[in-house]
């Protein structure tokens, strides 16, 4: 359960410089966000099972249904309310919009946890609602959260580094290597094949999805849960998981793009669409100034302004 989740940061870093087909990129992007709450619940449920012999499979299913149901409901509700509020509000400065969205994440997580739901799922769904909606100062919000995410990742990796003792890794390299190989060559390809069985993916696309299951900081964070709860041999779990994550990341991380090219699954377009770059806002005119990057192969290149078909209010 600890090692089951792919890492959003690793996937997004991979896609940021990739030319993978947009459909495959979106699939990997959505999976990286949605499977974290499920992995968290599995780890918490199995810890309860280890500590309480009377805890059983039905209790695990009940925990899963309760946490996911409440988390989804709170996340969707908070995301919708925040979207409507931002659309109907006009703040004095664009710097307040990131503050409002940060508060939205806090309300979603805290509200779900208070009701004994999954705060991770609620925060993700609320963010997904804001990211999919047309809200004011959206690029400012995006850049702000990217910066916050990088600060959080740096802090997280620093903390995780303090928990790893290289002198202990020599005792688990066999288990860690075996776990990584099973994960990369058996578990992940099998789960990708089952998960996409009813989708119209080709065999090559399924092969790539099976290979692109990058692990990162999330499994290592989940490995701290049993350590905190004093589960027997939890320190050994942590070392094995850390070794397996490093091995699988080095093995898969640098070969996904190469495999995609070999399978003919790349395009000339970036995997993640290039966003509009917000450069300023003219408040008194009720207008926004935006900049759009034009590539040399875009149809707009070389055209006159009057030939662009812009709306009359642009």
C-alpha atoms as a PDB file:
ATOM      1  CA  UNK A   1       0.000   0.000   0.000  1.00  0.00           C
ATOM      2  CA  UNK A   2       2.868   2.377   0.841  1.00  0.00           C
ATOM      3  CA  UNK A   3       4.513   1.923  -2.548  1.00  0.00           C
ATOM      4  CA  UNK A   4       1.271   1.836  -4.575  1.00  0.00           C
ATOM      5  CA  UNK A   5       0.950   5.564  -5.260  1.00  0.00           C
ATOM      6  CA  UNK A   6       2.623   7.342  -8.163  1.00  0.00           C
ATOM      7  CA  UNK A   7       4.107  10.729  -7.329  1.00  0.00           C
ATOM      8  CA  UNK A   8       2.452  13.865  -8.684  1.00  0.00           C
ATOM      9  CA  UNK A   9       5.619  15.959  -8.510  1.00  0.00           C
ATOM     10  CA  UNK A  10       7.617  13.360 -10.453  1.00  0.00           C
ATOM     11  CA  UNK A  11       4.886  12.976 -13.087  1.00  0.00           C
ATOM     12  CA  UNK A  12       4.457  16.733 -13.547  1.00  0.00           C
ATOM     13  CA  UNK A  13       8.230  17.218 -13.812  1.00  0.00           C
ATOM     14  CA  UNK A  14       8.306  14.520 -16.489  1.00  0.00           C
ATOM     15  CA  UNK A  15       5.410  16.006 -18.461  1.00  0.00           C
ATOM     16  CA  UNK A  16       6.682  19.574 -18.235  1.00  0.00           C
ATOM     17  CA  UNK A  17       9.434  18.909 -20.762  1.00  0.00           C
ATOM     18  CA  UNK A  18       7.722  16.068 -22.618  1.00  0.00           C
ATOM     19  CA  UNK A  19       6.075  15.860 -26.038  1.00  0.00           C
ATOM     20  CA  UNK A  20       3.926  12.887 -25.054  1.00  0.00           C
ATOM     21  CA  UNK A  21       0.507  12.701 -26.669  1.00  0.00           C
ATOM     22  CA  UNK A  22      -1.938  14.923 -24.825  1.00  0.00           C
ATOM     23  CA  UNK A  23      -4.336  12.065 -24.047  1.00  0.00           C
ATOM     24  CA  UNK A  24      -1.626   9.991 -22.367  1.00  0.00           C
ATOM     25  CA  UNK A  25      -0.311  13.024 -20.503  1.00  0.00           C
ATOM     26  CA  UNK A  26      -3.781  13.813 -19.148  1.00  0.00           C
ATOM     27  CA  UNK A  27      -4.246  10.206 -18.060  1.00  0.00           C
ATOM     28  CA  UNK A  28      -0.967  10.201 -16.128  1.00  0.00           C
ATOM     29  CA  UNK A  29      -1.718  13.634 -14.687  1.00  0.00           C
ATOM     30  CA  UNK A  30      -5.171  12.621 -13.442  1.00  0.00           C
ATOM     31  CA  UNK A  31      -3.921   9.340 -12.022  1.00  0.00           C
ATOM     32  CA  UNK A  32      -1.119  11.022 -10.082  1.00  0.00           C
ATOM     33  CA  UNK A  33      -3.630  13.256  -8.344  1.00  0.00           C
ATOM     34  CA  UNK A  34      -6.392  10.773  -7.646  1.00  0.00           C
ATOM     35  CA  UNK A  35      -4.404   7.812  -6.357  1.00  0.00           C
ATOM     36  CA  UNK A  36      -2.763   9.657  -3.442  1.00  0.00           C
ATOM     37  CA  UNK A  37      -5.913   9.777  -1.246  1.00  0.00           C
ATOM     38  CA  UNK A  38      -6.571   6.083  -1.930  1.00  0.00           C
ATOM     39  CA  UNK A  39      -3.018   5.120  -0.958  1.00  0.00           C
ATOM     40  CA  UNK A  40      -3.297   7.192   2.240  1.00  0.00           C
ATOM     41  CA  UNK A  41      -6.507   5.382   3.213  1.00  0.00           C
ATOM     42  CA  UNK A  42      -5.004   1.969   2.470  1.00  0.00           C
ATOM     43  CA  UNK A  43      -1.965   2.686   4.623  1.00  0.00           C
ATOM     44  CA  UNK A  44      -4.092   4.010   7.511  1.00  0.00           C
ATOM     45  CA  UNK A  45      -6.437   1.022   7.230  1.00  0.00           C
ATOM     46  CA  UNK A  46      -3.632  -1.543   7.257  1.00  0.00           C
ATOM     47  CA  UNK A  47      -1.984   0.167  10.239  1.00  0.00           C
ATOM     48  CA  UNK A  48      -5.291  -0.137  12.113  1.00  0.00           C
ATOM     49  CA  UNK A  49      -5.481  -3.788  11.075  1.00  0.00           C
ATOM     50  CA  UNK A  50      -1.968  -4.504  12.389  1.00  0.00           C
ATOM     51  CA  UNK A  51      -2.601  -2.741  15.696  1.00  0.00           C
ATOM     52  CA  UNK A  52      -6.122  -4.105  16.289  1.00  0.00           C
ATOM     53  CA  UNK A  53      -6.616  -7.845  15.591  1.00  0.00           C
ATOM     54  CA  UNK A  54     -10.407  -7.353  15.560  1.00  0.00           C
ATOM     55  CA  UNK A  55     -10.145  -4.868  12.714  1.00  0.00           C
ATOM     56  CA  UNK A  56     -11.067  -6.634   9.485  1.00  0.00           C
ATOM     57  CA  UNK A  57     -11.741  -6.297   5.789  1.00  0.00           C
ATOM     58  CA  UNK A  58     -15.257  -4.927   6.328  1.00  0.00           C
ATOM     59  CA  UNK A  59     -13.862  -2.189   8.552  1.00  0.00           C
ATOM     60  CA  UNK A  60     -11.370  -1.326   5.830  1.00  0.00           C
ATOM     61  CA  UNK A  61     -14.153  -1.070   3.240  1.00  0.00           C
ATOM     62  CA  UNK A  62     -16.230   1.062   5.635  1.00  0.00           C
ATOM     63  CA  UNK A  63     -13.273   3.401   6.207  1.00  0.00           C
ATOM     64  CA  UNK A  64     -12.705   3.661   2.464  1.00  0.00           C
ATOM     65  CA  UNK A  65     -16.361   4.397   1.641  1.00  0.00           C
ATOM     66  CA  UNK A  66     -16.749   6.958   4.434  1.00  0.00           C
ATOM     67  CA  UNK A  67     -13.533   8.835   3.785  1.00  0.00           C
ATOM     68  CA  UNK A  68     -13.907   8.896   0.000  1.00  0.00           C
ATOM     69  CA  UNK A  69     -17.608   9.782   0.058  1.00  0.00           C
ATOM     70  CA  UNK A  70     -17.297  12.646   2.526  1.00  0.00           C
ATOM     71  CA  UNK A  71     -14.063  13.881   0.952  1.00  0.00           C
ATOM     72  CA  UNK A  72     -15.578  13.942  -2.535  1.00  0.00           C
ATOM     73  CA  UNK A  73     -18.738  15.726  -1.372  1.00  0.00           C
ATOM     74  CA  UNK A  74     -16.845  18.384   0.584  1.00  0.00           C
ATOM     75  CA  UNK A  75     -14.287  18.918  -2.185  1.00  0.00           C
ATOM     76  CA  UNK A  76     -16.912  19.362  -4.905  1.00  0.00           C
ATOM     77  CA  UNK A  77     -19.028  21.671  -2.715  1.00  0.00           C
ATOM     78  CA  UNK A  78     -16.123  23.877  -1.614  1.00  0.00           C
ATOM     79  CA  UNK A  79     -14.722  24.001  -5.151  1.00  0.00           C
ATOM     80  CA  UNK A  80     -18.071  25.091  -6.617  1.00  0.00           C
ATOM     81  CA  UNK A  81     -18.678  27.716  -3.926  1.00  0.00           C
ATOM     82  CA  UNK A  82     -15.139  29.091  -4.300  1.00  0.00           C
ATOM     83  CA  UNK A  83     -15.494  29.286  -8.073  1.00  0.00           C
ATOM     84  CA  UNK A  84     -18.761  31.222  -7.808  1.00  0.00           C
ATOM     85  CA  UNK A  85     -17.317  33.524  -5.158  1.00  0.00           C
ATOM     86  CA  UNK A  86     -14.220  34.342  -7.209  1.00  0.00           C
ATOM     87  CA  UNK A  87     -16.253  34.962 -10.353  1.00  0.00           C
ATOM     88  CA  UNK A  88     -18.563  37.403  -8.569  1.00  0.00           C
ATOM     89  CA  UNK A  89     -15.888  39.199  -6.546  1.00  0.00           C
ATOM     90  CA  UNK A  90     -13.535  41.946  -7.590  1.00  0.00           C
ATOM     91  CA  UNK A  91     -10.579  42.315  -5.270  1.00  0.00           C
ATOM     92  CA  UNK A  92      -8.591  45.524  -5.039  1.00  0.00           C
ATOM     93  CA  UNK A  93      -5.403  43.773  -6.121  1.00  0.00           C
ATOM     94  CA  UNK A  94      -4.618  40.538  -7.957  1.00  0.00           C
ATOM     95  CA  UNK A  95      -2.437  39.486  -5.027  1.00  0.00           C
ATOM     96  CA  UNK A  96      -5.568  38.643  -3.026  1.00  0.00           C
ATOM     97  CA  UNK A  97      -6.724  35.950  -5.454  1.00  0.00           C
ATOM     98  CA  UNK A  98      -3.929  33.502  -4.508  1.00  0.00           C
ATOM     99  CA  UNK A  99      -4.781  34.119  -0.846  1.00  0.00           C
ATOM    100  CA  UNK A 100      -8.419  33.240  -1.530  1.00  0.00           C
ATOM    101  CA  UNK A 101      -7.498  30.037  -3.348  1.00  0.00           C
ATOM    102  CA  UNK A 102      -5.092  29.056  -0.562  1.00  0.00           C
ATOM    103  CA  UNK A 103      -7.942  29.549   1.906  1.00  0.00           C
ATOM    104  CA  UNK A 104     -10.117  27.368  -0.343  1.00  0.00           C
ATOM    105  CA  UNK A 105      -7.634  24.501  -0.052  1.00  0.00           C
ATOM    106  CA  UNK A 106      -7.554  24.905   3.722  1.00  0.00           C
ATOM    107  CA  UNK A 107     -11.357  24.952   3.989  1.00  0.00           C
ATOM    108  CA  UNK A 108     -11.680  21.866   1.794  1.00  0.00           C
ATOM    109  CA  UNK A 109      -9.069  19.867   3.715  1.00  0.00           C
ATOM    110  CA  UNK A 110     -10.191  20.997   7.154  1.00  0.00           C
ATOM    111  CA  UNK A 111     -13.894  20.600   6.417  1.00  0.00           C
ATOM    112  CA  UNK A 112     -13.474  17.046   5.175  1.00  0.00           C
ATOM    113  CA  UNK A 113     -11.204  16.041   8.078  1.00  0.00           C
ATOM    114  CA  UNK A 114     -13.663  17.511  10.608  1.00  0.00           C
ATOM    115  CA  UNK A 115     -16.400  15.318   9.131  1.00  0.00           C
ATOM    116  CA  UNK A 116     -14.038  12.287   9.152  1.00  0.00           C
ATOM    117  CA  UNK A 117     -13.548  12.378   5.396  1.00  0.00           C
ATOM    118  CA  UNK A 118     -10.453  12.437   3.200  1.00  0.00           C
ATOM    119  CA  UNK A 119      -8.961  15.903   3.341  1.00  0.00           C
ATOM    120  CA  UNK A 120      -6.490  15.001   0.591  1.00  0.00           C
ATOM    121  CA  UNK A 121      -9.283  14.129  -1.834  1.00  0.00           C
ATOM    122  CA  UNK A 122     -11.321  17.201  -0.867  1.00  0.00           C
ATOM    123  CA  UNK A 123      -8.387  19.566  -1.417  1.00  0.00           C
ATOM    124  CA  UNK A 124      -7.548  17.919  -4.744  1.00  0.00           C
ATOM    125  CA  UNK A 125     -11.127  18.151  -6.048  1.00  0.00           C
ATOM    126  CA  UNK A 126     -11.479  21.773  -4.898  1.00  0.00           C
ATOM    127  CA  UNK A 127      -8.232  22.629  -6.693  1.00  0.00           C
ATOM    128  CA  UNK A 128      -9.397  20.730  -9.766  1.00  0.00           C
ATOM    129  CA  UNK A 129     -12.625  22.764  -9.804  1.00  0.00           C
ATOM    130  CA  UNK A 130     -10.714  26.053  -9.576  1.00  0.00           C
ATOM    131  CA  UNK A 131      -8.175  24.953 -12.164  1.00  0.00           C
ATOM    132  CA  UNK A 132     -10.891  23.978 -14.647  1.00  0.00           C
ATOM    133  CA  UNK A 133     -12.997  27.132 -14.194  1.00  0.00           C
ATOM    134  CA  UNK A 134     -12.538  30.576 -15.695  1.00  0.00           C
ATOM    135  CA  UNK A 135     -11.672  32.731 -12.707  1.00  0.00           C
ATOM    136  CA  UNK A 136     -10.035  36.181 -12.501  1.00  0.00           C
ATOM    137  CA  UNK A 137      -6.241  36.402 -12.306  1.00  0.00           C
ATOM    138  CA  UNK A 138      -5.936  32.705 -13.053  1.00  0.00           C
ATOM    139  CA  UNK A 139      -2.332  32.898 -14.229  1.00  0.00           C
ATOM    140  CA  UNK A 140      -1.337  34.797 -11.098  1.00  0.00           C
ATOM    141  CA  UNK A 141      -2.984  32.067  -9.021  1.00  0.00           C
ATOM    142  CA  UNK A 142      -1.222  29.341 -11.012  1.00  0.00           C
ATOM    143  CA  UNK A 143       2.234  30.894 -10.655  1.00  0.00           C
ATOM    144  CA  UNK A 144       1.682  31.449  -6.914  1.00  0.00           C
ATOM    145  CA  UNK A 145       0.712  27.847  -6.279  1.00  0.00           C
ATOM    146  CA  UNK A 146       3.615  26.579  -8.364  1.00  0.00           C
ATOM    147  CA  UNK A 147       5.956  28.540  -6.104  1.00  0.00           C
ATOM    148  CA  UNK A 148       4.257  27.259  -2.950  1.00  0.00           C
ATOM    149  CA  UNK A 149       4.442  23.699  -4.299  1.00  0.00           C
ATOM    150  CA  UNK A 150       8.186  23.990  -4.909  1.00  0.00           C
ATOM    151  CA  UNK A 151       8.765  25.365  -1.401  1.00  0.00           C
ATOM    152  CA  UNK A 152       6.714  22.491   0.045  1.00  0.00           C
ATOM    153  CA  UNK A 153       8.631  19.904  -1.980  1.00  0.00           C
ATOM    154  CA  UNK A 154      12.005  21.327  -0.914  1.00  0.00           C
ATOM    155  CA  UNK A 155      10.929  21.254   2.730  1.00  0.00           C
ATOM    156  CA  UNK A 156       9.547  17.737   2.366  1.00  0.00           C
ATOM    157  CA  UNK A 157      12.687  16.326   0.745  1.00  0.00           C
ATOM    158  CA  UNK A 158      14.863  18.023   3.365  1.00  0.00           C
ATOM    159  CA  UNK A 159      12.810  16.395   6.114  1.00  0.00           C
ATOM    160  CA  UNK A 160      12.885  13.014   4.415  1.00  0.00           C
ATOM    161  CA  UNK A 161      16.637  13.273   3.963  1.00  0.00           C
ATOM    162  CA  UNK A 162      17.012  13.697   7.715  1.00  0.00           C
ATOM    163  CA  UNK A 163      15.104  10.437   8.234  1.00  0.00           C
ATOM    164  CA  UNK A 164      17.312   8.329   5.935  1.00  0.00           C
ATOM    165  CA  UNK A 165      20.456   6.692   7.263  1.00  0.00           C
ATOM    166  CA  UNK A 166      22.675   5.524   4.350  1.00  0.00           C
ATOM    167  CA  UNK A 167      24.441   3.082   6.686  1.00  0.00           C
ATOM    168  CA  UNK A 168      21.190   1.106   7.001  1.00  0.00           C
ATOM    169  CA  UNK A 169      20.466   0.879   3.275  1.00  0.00           C
ATOM    170  CA  UNK A 170      23.092  -1.813   2.778  1.00  0.00           C
ATOM    171  CA  UNK A 171      20.979  -4.197   4.849  1.00  0.00           C
ATOM    172  CA  UNK A 172      17.880  -3.810   2.658  1.00  0.00           C
ATOM    173  CA  UNK A 173      19.286  -3.559  -0.851  1.00  0.00           C
ATOM    174  CA  UNK A 174      18.110  -7.085  -1.760  1.00  0.00           C
ATOM    175  CA  UNK A 175      14.539  -6.475  -0.565  1.00  0.00           C
ATOM    176  CA  UNK A 176      14.490  -2.962  -2.035  1.00  0.00           C
ATOM    177  CA  UNK A 177      15.769  -4.111  -5.435  1.00  0.00           C
ATOM    178  CA  UNK A 178      13.333  -7.041  -5.530  1.00  0.00           C
ATOM    179  CA  UNK A 179      10.423  -4.754  -4.616  1.00  0.00           C
ATOM    180  CA  UNK A 180      11.411  -2.215  -7.274  1.00  0.00           C
ATOM    181  CA  UNK A 181      11.730  -4.866 -10.001  1.00  0.00           C
ATOM    182  CA  UNK A 182       8.378  -6.458  -9.128  1.00  0.00           C
ATOM    183  CA  UNK A 183       6.813  -3.002  -9.060  1.00  0.00           C
ATOM    184  CA  UNK A 184       8.270  -1.891 -12.410  1.00  0.00           C
ATOM    185  CA  UNK A 185       7.939  -5.088 -14.446  1.00  0.00           C
ATOM    186  CA  UNK A 186       4.908  -6.859 -12.945  1.00  0.00           C
ATOM    187  CA  UNK A 187       2.655  -4.855 -10.619  1.00  0.00           C
ATOM    188  CA  UNK A 188       2.512  -1.563 -12.512  1.00  0.00           C
ATOM    189  CA  UNK A 189       2.060  -2.991 -16.046  1.00  0.00           C
ATOM    190  CA  UNK A 190      -0.627  -5.373 -14.758  1.00  0.00           C
ATOM    191  CA  UNK A 191      -2.530  -2.629 -12.940  1.00  0.00           C
ATOM    192  CA  UNK A 192      -2.275  -0.326 -15.985  1.00  0.00           C
ATOM    193  CA  UNK A 193      -3.649  -3.078 -18.239  1.00  0.00           C
ATOM    194  CA  UNK A 194      -6.562  -3.753 -15.869  1.00  0.00           C
ATOM    195  CA  UNK A 195      -7.258  -0.047 -15.310  1.00  0.00           C
ATOM    196  CA  UNK A 196      -7.429   0.712 -19.043  1.00  0.00           C
ATOM    197  CA  UNK A 197      -9.155  -2.516 -20.105  1.00  0.00           C
ATOM    198  CA  UNK A 198     -12.363  -0.702 -21.063  1.00  0.00           C
ATOM    199  CA  UNK A 199     -10.678   2.343 -22.615  1.00  0.00           C
ATOM    200  CA  UNK A 200      -9.665   2.708 -26.232  1.00  0.00           C
ATOM    201  CA  UNK A 201      -5.909   2.590 -25.659  1.00  0.00           C
ATOM    202  CA  UNK A 202      -3.627   0.756 -28.024  1.00  0.00           C
ATOM    203  CA  UNK A 203      -1.200  -1.900 -26.798  1.00  0.00           C
ATOM    204  CA  UNK A 204       1.671   0.584 -27.176  1.00  0.00           C
ATOM    205  CA  UNK A 205      -0.162   3.192 -25.105  1.00  0.00           C
ATOM    206  CA  UNK A 206      -0.878   0.625 -22.388  1.00  0.00           C
ATOM    207  CA  UNK A 207       2.784  -0.361 -22.413  1.00  0.00           C
ATOM    208  CA  UNK A 208       3.832   3.261 -21.922  1.00  0.00           C
ATOM    209  CA  UNK A 209       1.272   3.835 -19.142  1.00  0.00           C
ATOM    210  CA  UNK A 210       2.610   0.738 -17.442  1.00  0.00           C
ATOM    211  CA  UNK A 211       6.172   2.038 -17.660  1.00  0.00           C
ATOM    212  CA  UNK A 212       5.386   5.613 -16.558  1.00  0.00           C
ATOM    213  CA  UNK A 213       4.401   4.778 -12.971  1.00  0.00           C
ATOM    214  CA  UNK A 214       7.034   6.993 -11.370  1.00  0.00           C
ATOM    215  CA  UNK A 215       7.425   6.812  -7.607  1.00  0.00           C
ATOM    216  CA  UNK A 216       8.689   9.746  -5.613  1.00  0.00           C
ATOM    217  CA  UNK A 217       8.190  11.496  -2.315  1.00  0.00           C
ATOM    218  CA  UNK A 218       4.608  10.326  -1.686  1.00  0.00           C
ATOM    219  CA  UNK A 219       5.498   6.657  -0.943  1.00  0.00           C
ATOM    220  CA  UNK A 220       8.352   7.824   1.272  1.00  0.00           C
ATOM    221  CA  UNK A 221       5.954  10.104   3.173  1.00  0.00           C
ATOM    222  CA  UNK A 222       3.492   7.220   3.534  1.00  0.00           C
ATOM    223  CA  UNK A 223       6.338   5.084   4.897  1.00  0.00           C
ATOM    224  CA  UNK A 224       6.564   7.485   7.855  1.00  0.00           C
ATOM    225  CA  UNK A 225       2.982   6.679   8.937  1.00  0.00           C
ATOM    226  CA  UNK A 226       3.814   3.268  10.491  1.00  0.00           C
ATOM    227  CA  UNK A 227       6.980   4.780  11.992  1.00  0.00           C
ATOM    228  CA  UNK A 228       4.881   7.416  13.766  1.00  0.00           C
ATOM    229  CA  UNK A 229       2.485   4.726  15.061  1.00  0.00           C
ATOM    230  CA  UNK A 230       5.347   2.483  16.265  1.00  0.00           C
ATOM    231  CA  UNK A 231       4.366  -0.432  14.026  1.00  0.00           C
ATOM    232  CA  UNK A 232       6.861  -3.323  14.458  1.00  0.00           C
ATOM    233  CA  UNK A 233       9.752  -3.204  11.933  1.00  0.00           C
ATOM    234  CA  UNK A 234       8.443   0.101  10.538  1.00  0.00           C
ATOM    235  CA  UNK A 235      11.999   1.505  10.323  1.00  0.00           C
ATOM    236  CA  UNK A 236      12.874  -1.391   8.031  1.00  0.00           C
ATOM    237  CA  UNK A 237       9.747  -0.671   5.958  1.00  0.00           C
ATOM    238  CA  UNK A 238      10.940   2.910   5.544  1.00  0.00           C
ATOM    239  CA  UNK A 239      14.421   1.910   4.384  1.00  0.00           C
ATOM    240  CA  UNK A 240      13.090  -0.691   1.916  1.00  0.00           C
ATOM    241  CA  UNK A 241      10.573   1.752   0.437  1.00  0.00           C
ATOM    242  CA  UNK A 242      13.166   4.507   0.129  1.00  0.00           C
ATOM    243  CA  UNK A 243      15.565   2.168  -1.678  1.00  0.00           C
ATOM    244  CA  UNK A 244      12.786   0.913  -3.993  1.00  0.00           C
ATOM    245  CA  UNK A 245      11.662   4.471  -4.819  1.00  0.00           C
ATOM    246  CA  UNK A 246      15.183   5.580  -5.727  1.00  0.00           C
ATOM    247  CA  UNK A 247      15.740   2.469  -7.863  1.00  0.00           C
ATOM    248  CA  UNK A 248      12.437   2.697  -9.756  1.00  0.00           C
ATOM    249  CA  UNK A 249      12.812   6.432 -10.329  1.00  0.00           C
ATOM    250  CA  UNK A 250      16.310   6.058 -11.784  1.00  0.00           C
ATOM    251  CA  UNK A 251      15.193   3.114 -13.909  1.00  0.00           C
ATOM    252  CA  UNK A 252      11.993   4.640 -15.299  1.00  0.00           C
ATOM    253  CA  UNK A 253      12.405   8.405 -14.997  1.00  0.00           C
ATOM    254  CA  UNK A 254      14.986   8.833 -17.728  1.00  0.00           C
ATOM    255  CA  UNK A 255      13.494   6.315 -20.171  1.00  0.00           C
ATOM    256  CA  UNK A 256       9.808   7.285 -20.438  1.00  0.00           C
ATOM    257  CA  UNK A 257      10.340   9.866 -23.173  1.00  0.00           C
ATOM    258  CA  UNK A 258      12.717   7.524 -25.042  1.00  0.00           C
ATOM    259  CA  UNK A 259      10.156   4.716 -24.925  1.00  0.00           C
ATOM    260  CA  UNK A 260       7.393   7.068 -26.080  1.00  0.00           C
ATOM    261  CA  UNK A 261       9.459   8.053 -29.127  1.00  0.00           C
ATOM    262  CA  UNK A 262      10.229   4.419 -29.926  1.00  0.00           C
ATOM    263  CA  UNK A 263       6.497   3.592 -29.763  1.00  0.00           C
ATOM    264  CA  UNK A 264       5.538   6.626 -31.876  1.00  0.00           C
ATOM    265  CA  UNK A 265       3.546   8.226 -29.056  1.00  0.00           C
ATOM    266  CA  UNK A 266       5.069  11.720 -29.193  1.00  0.00           C
ATOM    267  CA  UNK A 267       3.994  14.807 -31.125  1.00  0.00           C
ATOM    268  CA  UNK A 268       5.457  18.200 -31.961  1.00  0.00           C
ATOM    269  CA  UNK A 269       3.346  19.807 -29.237  1.00  0.00           C
ATOM    270  CA  UNK A 270       4.264  19.854 -25.529  1.00  0.00           C
ATOM    271  CA  UNK A 271       2.397  17.365 -23.338  1.00  0.00           C
ATOM    272  CA  UNK A 272       1.090  20.170 -21.114  1.00  0.00           C
ATOM    273  CA  UNK A 273      -0.535  23.068 -23.019  1.00  0.00           C
ATOM    274  CA  UNK A 274       1.242  26.388 -22.876  1.00  0.00           C
ATOM    275  CA  UNK A 275      -0.806  28.752 -20.712  1.00  0.00           C
ATOM    276  CA  UNK A 276      -1.687  32.379 -21.292  1.00  0.00           C
ATOM    277  CA  UNK A 277       0.842  34.532 -19.516  1.00  0.00           C
ATOM    278  CA  UNK A 278      -0.854  37.315 -17.575  1.00  0.00           C
ATOM    279  CA  UNK A 279       1.208  40.517 -17.647  1.00  0.00           C
ATOM    280  CA  UNK A 280      -1.163  43.026 -16.079  1.00  0.00           C
ATOM    281  CA  UNK A 281      -4.708  44.170 -15.474  1.00  0.00           C
ATOM    282  CA  UNK A 282      -6.340  47.461 -16.424  1.00  0.00           C
ATOM    283  CA  UNK A 283      -8.923  47.770 -13.653  1.00  0.00           C
ATOM    284  CA  UNK A 284     -10.630  50.985 -14.718  1.00  0.00           C
ATOM    285  CA  UNK A 285     -11.270  49.591 -18.171  1.00  0.00           C
ATOM    286  CA  UNK A 286     -12.339  46.195 -16.867  1.00  0.00           C
ATOM    287  CA  UNK A 287      -9.746  44.540 -19.093  1.00  0.00           C
ATOM    288  CA  UNK A 288      -6.863  42.131 -18.793  1.00  0.00           C
ATOM    289  CA  UNK A 289      -3.588  42.190 -20.686  1.00  0.00           C
ATOM    290  CA  UNK A 290      -2.448  38.729 -21.740  1.00  0.00           C
ATOM    291  CA  UNK A 291       0.484  37.392 -23.715  1.00  0.00           C
ATOM    292  CA  UNK A 292       0.283  34.227 -25.801  1.00  0.00           C
ATOM    293  CA  UNK A 293       3.467  32.475 -26.985  1.00  0.00           C
ATOM    294  CA  UNK A 294       3.429  31.747 -30.728  1.00  0.00           C
ATOM    295  CA  UNK A 295       5.540  28.867 -31.989  1.00  0.00           C
ATOM    296  CA  UNK A 296       7.127  28.818 -35.450  1.00  0.00           C
ATOM    297  CA  UNK A 297       4.781  26.021 -36.579  1.00  0.00           C
ATOM    298  CA  UNK A 298       1.560  27.678 -35.369  1.00  0.00           C
ATOM    299  CA  UNK A 299      -0.972  28.668 -38.018  1.00  0.00           C
ATOM    300  CA  UNK A 300      -1.033  32.205 -36.633  1.00  0.00           C
ATOM    301  CA  UNK A 301       2.658  32.794 -37.435  1.00  0.00           C
ATOM    302  CA  UNK A 302       3.194  35.351 -40.192  1.00  0.00           C
ATOM    303  CA  UNK A 303      -0.428  36.543 -40.260  1.00  0.00           C
ATOM    304  CA  UNK A 304      -1.547  40.172 -40.105  1.00  0.00           C
ATOM    305  CA  UNK A 305      -3.501  41.312 -37.043  1.00  0.00           C
ATOM    306  CA  UNK A 306      -6.613  41.927 -39.152  1.00  0.00           C
ATOM    307  CA  UNK A 307      -6.431  38.310 -40.355  1.00  0.00           C
ATOM    308  CA  UNK A 308      -6.519  36.793 -36.875  1.00  0.00           C
ATOM    309  CA  UNK A 309     -10.285  36.923 -36.416  1.00  0.00           C
ATOM    310  CA  UNK A 310     -10.048  38.478 -32.983  1.00  0.00           C
ATOM    311  CA  UNK A 311     -13.355  39.458 -31.278  1.00  0.00           C
ATOM    312  CA  UNK A 312     -14.422  43.101 -31.538  1.00  0.00           C
ATOM    313  CA  UNK A 313     -13.773  43.765 -27.833  1.00  0.00           C
ATOM    314  CA  UNK A 314     -10.144  42.648 -28.091  1.00  0.00           C
END
